[in-house]
Protein backbone atom coordinates (compact mmCIF):
# COMPACT_ATOMS: atom_id res chain seq x y z
CA MET A 1 -11.81 5.57 -16.90
CA ILE A 2 -12.17 3.44 -13.77
CA SER A 3 -11.21 -0.23 -13.41
CA VAL A 4 -12.32 -2.03 -10.24
CA HIS A 5 -10.26 -4.90 -8.81
CA ARG A 6 -11.87 -7.01 -6.10
CA SER A 7 -10.10 -8.37 -3.05
CA GLU A 8 -11.21 -11.93 -3.74
CA ASN A 9 -9.57 -11.83 -7.18
CA ARG A 10 -6.07 -11.13 -5.90
CA TYR A 11 -3.37 -13.70 -6.58
CA ARG A 12 -2.80 -15.96 -3.56
CA GLY A 13 0.77 -16.27 -2.33
CA GLY A 14 2.81 -16.54 0.83
CA ASP A 15 3.72 -19.64 2.82
CA GLU A 16 0.89 -21.09 4.89
CA ALA A 17 3.21 -23.41 6.80
CA ALA A 18 5.32 -20.43 7.85
CA GLY A 19 2.31 -18.36 8.91
CA ILE A 20 2.42 -16.01 5.90
CA ASP A 21 -0.66 -15.28 3.79
CA THR A 22 -0.12 -12.90 0.85
CA ARG A 23 -2.60 -11.50 -1.69
CA HIS A 24 -1.13 -9.80 -4.79
CA ALA A 25 -3.04 -7.17 -6.77
CA LEU A 26 -0.50 -7.11 -9.62
CA SER A 27 1.84 -9.67 -11.17
CA PHE A 28 4.42 -10.64 -8.57
CA GLY A 29 7.03 -13.40 -8.51
CA PRO A 30 5.48 -16.60 -9.90
CA PHE A 31 2.10 -14.88 -10.37
CA TYR A 32 2.47 -13.55 -13.91
CA ASP A 33 -0.21 -11.81 -15.92
CA PRO A 34 1.08 -9.86 -18.95
CA ASP A 35 -1.99 -7.59 -18.78
CA ASN A 36 -1.44 -6.76 -15.10
CA LEU A 37 2.23 -5.92 -14.70
CA ARG A 38 1.99 -2.39 -13.30
CA PHE A 39 -0.18 0.70 -13.09
CA GLY A 40 1.91 3.78 -13.83
CA PRO A 41 4.75 3.64 -11.29
CA VAL A 42 2.88 1.14 -9.09
CA LEU A 43 4.67 -2.21 -9.33
CA ALA A 44 2.97 -4.09 -6.50
CA CYS A 45 0.17 -3.83 -3.97
CA ASN A 46 0.41 -6.74 -1.54
CA GLU A 47 -1.85 -7.55 1.39
CA GLU A 48 0.24 -9.43 3.96
CA ARG A 49 -1.03 -11.39 6.96
CA LEU A 50 1.58 -12.68 9.40
CA GLU A 51 0.90 -14.92 12.34
CA ARG A 52 2.70 -14.28 15.63
CA GLY A 53 6.41 -15.01 15.34
CA SER A 54 6.42 -15.21 11.53
CA GLY A 55 7.84 -12.91 8.92
CA PHE A 56 10.26 -12.35 6.08
CA ASP A 57 13.92 -13.08 6.74
CA GLU A 58 16.58 -10.68 5.50
CA HIS A 59 16.20 -10.05 1.77
CA PRO A 60 17.40 -7.42 -0.72
CA HIS A 61 15.67 -4.60 -2.59
CA SER A 62 16.97 -2.03 -5.06
CA HIS A 63 15.54 0.78 -7.21
CA THR A 64 12.14 0.58 -5.50
CA GLU A 65 10.11 2.91 -3.29
CA ILE A 66 8.28 0.73 -0.73
CA VAL A 67 5.44 2.14 1.37
CA THR A 68 3.85 0.13 4.18
CA TRP A 69 0.49 0.72 5.89
CA VAL A 70 -0.36 -1.44 8.91
CA VAL A 71 -4.03 -2.39 9.20
CA GLU A 72 -3.79 -4.22 12.53
CA GLY A 73 -0.99 -5.46 14.74
CA GLU A 74 2.65 -4.31 14.79
CA LEU A 75 5.35 -4.72 12.13
CA THR A 76 8.99 -4.93 13.15
CA HIS A 77 11.42 -3.55 10.55
CA ARG A 78 15.22 -3.84 10.57
CA ASP A 79 17.54 -3.03 7.67
CA SER A 80 21.18 -3.04 6.64
CA ALA A 81 21.36 0.77 6.88
CA GLY A 82 20.91 0.46 10.67
CA HIS A 83 17.23 1.29 11.02
CA SER A 84 15.12 -0.65 13.52
CA THR A 85 11.53 0.29 14.26
CA VAL A 86 8.01 -0.94 14.98
CA VAL A 87 5.29 0.27 12.59
CA ARG A 88 1.75 0.53 13.95
CA PRO A 89 -1.69 1.31 12.48
CA GLY A 90 -1.83 4.90 11.28
CA ASP A 91 1.92 5.13 10.60
CA VAL A 92 3.31 5.59 7.09
CA ALA A 93 6.59 3.68 6.63
CA HIS A 94 8.69 4.43 3.54
CA LEU A 95 11.78 2.46 2.50
CA SER A 96 13.66 3.97 -0.43
CA ALA A 97 15.80 1.04 -1.57
CA ALA A 98 17.81 3.19 -4.02
CA SER A 99 21.05 1.45 -5.06
CA GLY A 100 20.43 -1.42 -2.65
CA VAL A 101 19.41 -2.35 0.89
CA ARG A 102 18.54 -5.49 2.83
CA HIS A 103 15.80 -5.70 5.43
CA VAL A 104 13.78 -7.95 7.74
CA GLU A 105 10.02 -7.73 8.33
CA ARG A 106 8.47 -9.66 11.20
CA ASN A 107 5.48 -9.96 13.48
CA ASP A 108 7.14 -9.91 16.88
CA GLY A 109 3.94 -8.66 18.55
CA SER A 110 1.34 -10.49 20.59
CA ALA A 111 -1.41 -10.51 17.94
CA PRO A 112 -1.80 -11.33 14.23
CA LEU A 113 -0.47 -8.68 11.84
CA THR A 114 -2.09 -7.38 8.65
CA PHE A 115 -0.42 -4.78 6.49
CA LEU A 116 -0.58 -3.37 3.00
CA GLN A 117 2.62 -2.82 1.06
CA MET A 118 2.95 -0.92 -2.19
CA TRP A 119 6.04 -0.82 -4.41
CA LEU A 120 6.62 2.08 -6.80
CA ALA A 121 9.27 2.52 -9.47
CA PRO A 122 11.55 5.54 -9.02
CA LEU A 123 11.89 8.09 -11.79
CA GLU A 124 15.67 7.64 -11.73
CA PRO A 125 17.75 4.69 -10.48
CA GLY A 126 20.52 4.88 -7.90
CA GLY A 127 21.02 7.04 -4.84
CA GLU A 128 21.43 6.19 -1.16
CA PRO A 129 18.83 4.09 0.67
CA SER A 130 16.70 5.76 3.33
CA TYR A 131 13.92 4.83 5.72
CA THR A 132 11.22 7.15 7.07
CA VAL A 133 8.28 6.59 9.44
CA VAL A 134 5.57 9.20 9.91
CA PRO A 135 3.80 8.16 13.14
CA GLY A 136 0.05 8.58 13.28
CA ILE A 137 -0.30 10.55 10.07
CA ALA A 138 -3.28 12.89 10.24
CA ASP A 139 -6.31 12.51 8.00
CA SER A 140 -5.97 14.35 4.69
CA THR A 141 -2.25 14.98 5.26
CA PRO A 142 -0.48 13.97 2.04
CA TYR A 143 2.79 12.07 2.01
CA ALA A 144 4.96 12.88 -1.00
CA LEU A 145 7.19 10.44 -2.88
CA PRO A 146 8.84 12.84 -5.33
CA ASP A 147 11.32 10.17 -6.45
CA ALA A 148 8.35 8.22 -7.87
CA GLY A 149 6.23 11.19 -8.93
CA ALA A 150 3.56 10.12 -6.44
CA MET A 151 1.56 11.45 -3.50
CA LEU A 152 -0.25 9.35 -0.90
CA HIS A 153 -3.50 10.68 0.59
CA VAL A 154 -5.05 9.02 3.66
CA ARG A 155 -8.80 9.45 4.05
CA ARG A 156 -10.79 8.44 7.14
CA LEU A 157 -14.50 9.03 6.63
CA ALA A 158 -17.49 8.95 8.95
CA GLU A 159 -20.66 7.31 7.63
CA ASN A 160 -22.08 9.31 4.70
CA GLU A 161 -19.06 11.64 4.72
CA ARG A 162 -17.80 12.62 1.28
CA THR A 163 -14.28 13.52 0.19
CA ALA A 164 -12.96 14.90 -3.06
CA VAL A 165 -10.55 12.65 -4.97
CA PRO A 166 -7.57 14.46 -6.56
CA ASP A 167 -7.60 15.18 -10.27
CA ALA A 168 -4.67 13.24 -11.70
CA VAL A 169 -3.28 11.42 -14.70
CA ARG A 170 -3.65 8.23 -12.67
CA LEU A 171 -5.14 7.35 -9.28
CA TYR A 172 -4.85 4.09 -7.35
CA VAL A 173 -7.51 3.87 -4.62
CA HIS A 174 -7.40 1.08 -2.02
CA VAL A 175 -10.13 0.60 0.59
CA VAL A 176 -8.59 -0.44 3.91
CA ARG A 177 -11.83 -0.78 5.87
CA GLY A 178 -15.53 -0.02 5.43
CA THR A 179 -17.45 0.46 2.19
CA VAL A 180 -16.93 3.34 -0.23
CA ALA A 181 -18.96 4.51 -3.21
CA LEU A 182 -16.77 5.91 -5.99
CA ASP A 183 -17.99 6.97 -9.43
CA GLY A 184 -20.97 4.61 -9.33
CA GLU A 185 -18.94 1.68 -7.99
CA GLU A 186 -19.13 0.28 -4.45
CA LEU A 187 -15.81 -0.85 -2.99
CA GLY A 188 -15.36 -2.97 0.14
CA PRO A 189 -12.30 -3.84 2.27
CA GLY A 190 -9.36 -4.86 0.09
CA ASP A 191 -11.01 -3.66 -3.12
CA ALA A 192 -9.13 -1.19 -5.32
CA ALA A 193 -9.87 1.14 -8.21
CA ARG A 194 -7.40 2.14 -10.91
CA ILE A 195 -8.43 5.41 -12.51
CA THR A 196 -6.98 7.24 -15.49
CA ASP A 197 -7.58 10.93 -16.27
CA ALA A 198 -9.44 11.47 -12.99
CA GLU A 199 -11.40 14.70 -12.83
CA GLY A 200 -14.10 15.90 -10.45
CA LEU A 201 -14.48 12.58 -8.60
CA SER A 202 -15.50 12.06 -4.98
CA ALA A 203 -15.76 9.12 -2.60
CA VAL A 204 -18.38 8.63 0.12
CA ALA A 205 -18.48 6.19 3.04
CA VAL A 206 -21.62 4.07 3.03
CA ALA A 207 -22.96 1.75 5.77
CA GLY A 208 -20.50 3.00 8.39
CA PRO A 209 -17.07 4.64 8.65
CA ALA A 210 -14.35 3.90 6.10
CA GLU A 211 -10.61 4.29 5.56
CA LEU A 212 -8.99 4.50 2.15
CA LEU A 213 -5.58 5.16 0.66
CA VAL A 214 -5.45 7.27 -2.50
CA TRP A 215 -2.30 7.33 -4.62
CA GLU A 216 -2.04 10.37 -6.86
CA LEU A 217 0.31 9.44 -9.71
CA ALA A 218 1.89 11.88 -12.15
CA GLY A 219 2.50 9.30 -14.85
């Protein structure tokens, strides 16, 4: 079964006066929908747009696996475990909050910043926080989140190129750029598909190149 969720239907959040524009795909903070709380381990999928010099001041997280994908611009990350880095397009950044960590996220670059951030629930609580960045992850190279029973697949497709979609109990597919045809549905930038019992599916880029993130979820 496939359920399509359009970019324009995301919940609007953020703080316009502070240069923060947020679009939530699932219930988040004051945006509550009892029928849209989570999808398997996926707790949140937020599109964030930060103007130059804006960002999120130090704030806490715990018992959450947070994966960030920069669409354009540069994201500065600092946390209470001593990590400080700049995340750029093509990098996979993974913060495992575990028993607790505090961090700062800012646009300290010279251009506007757009990034996608997904939160996943761990299979077990606790542990020590960690932070990992995979710079310039190659196409079709999976990134595993065993603590959440999840695998991230990055797909960059030329026009009319087709890619197999993993068979899985659940899949969460997010189109970063371009237009993708998937199981009879056409998805544009910011659109997502939530798929249960996926088997034998494929995605194809139409009307130009495309980039998509595919979450393979065990439960």
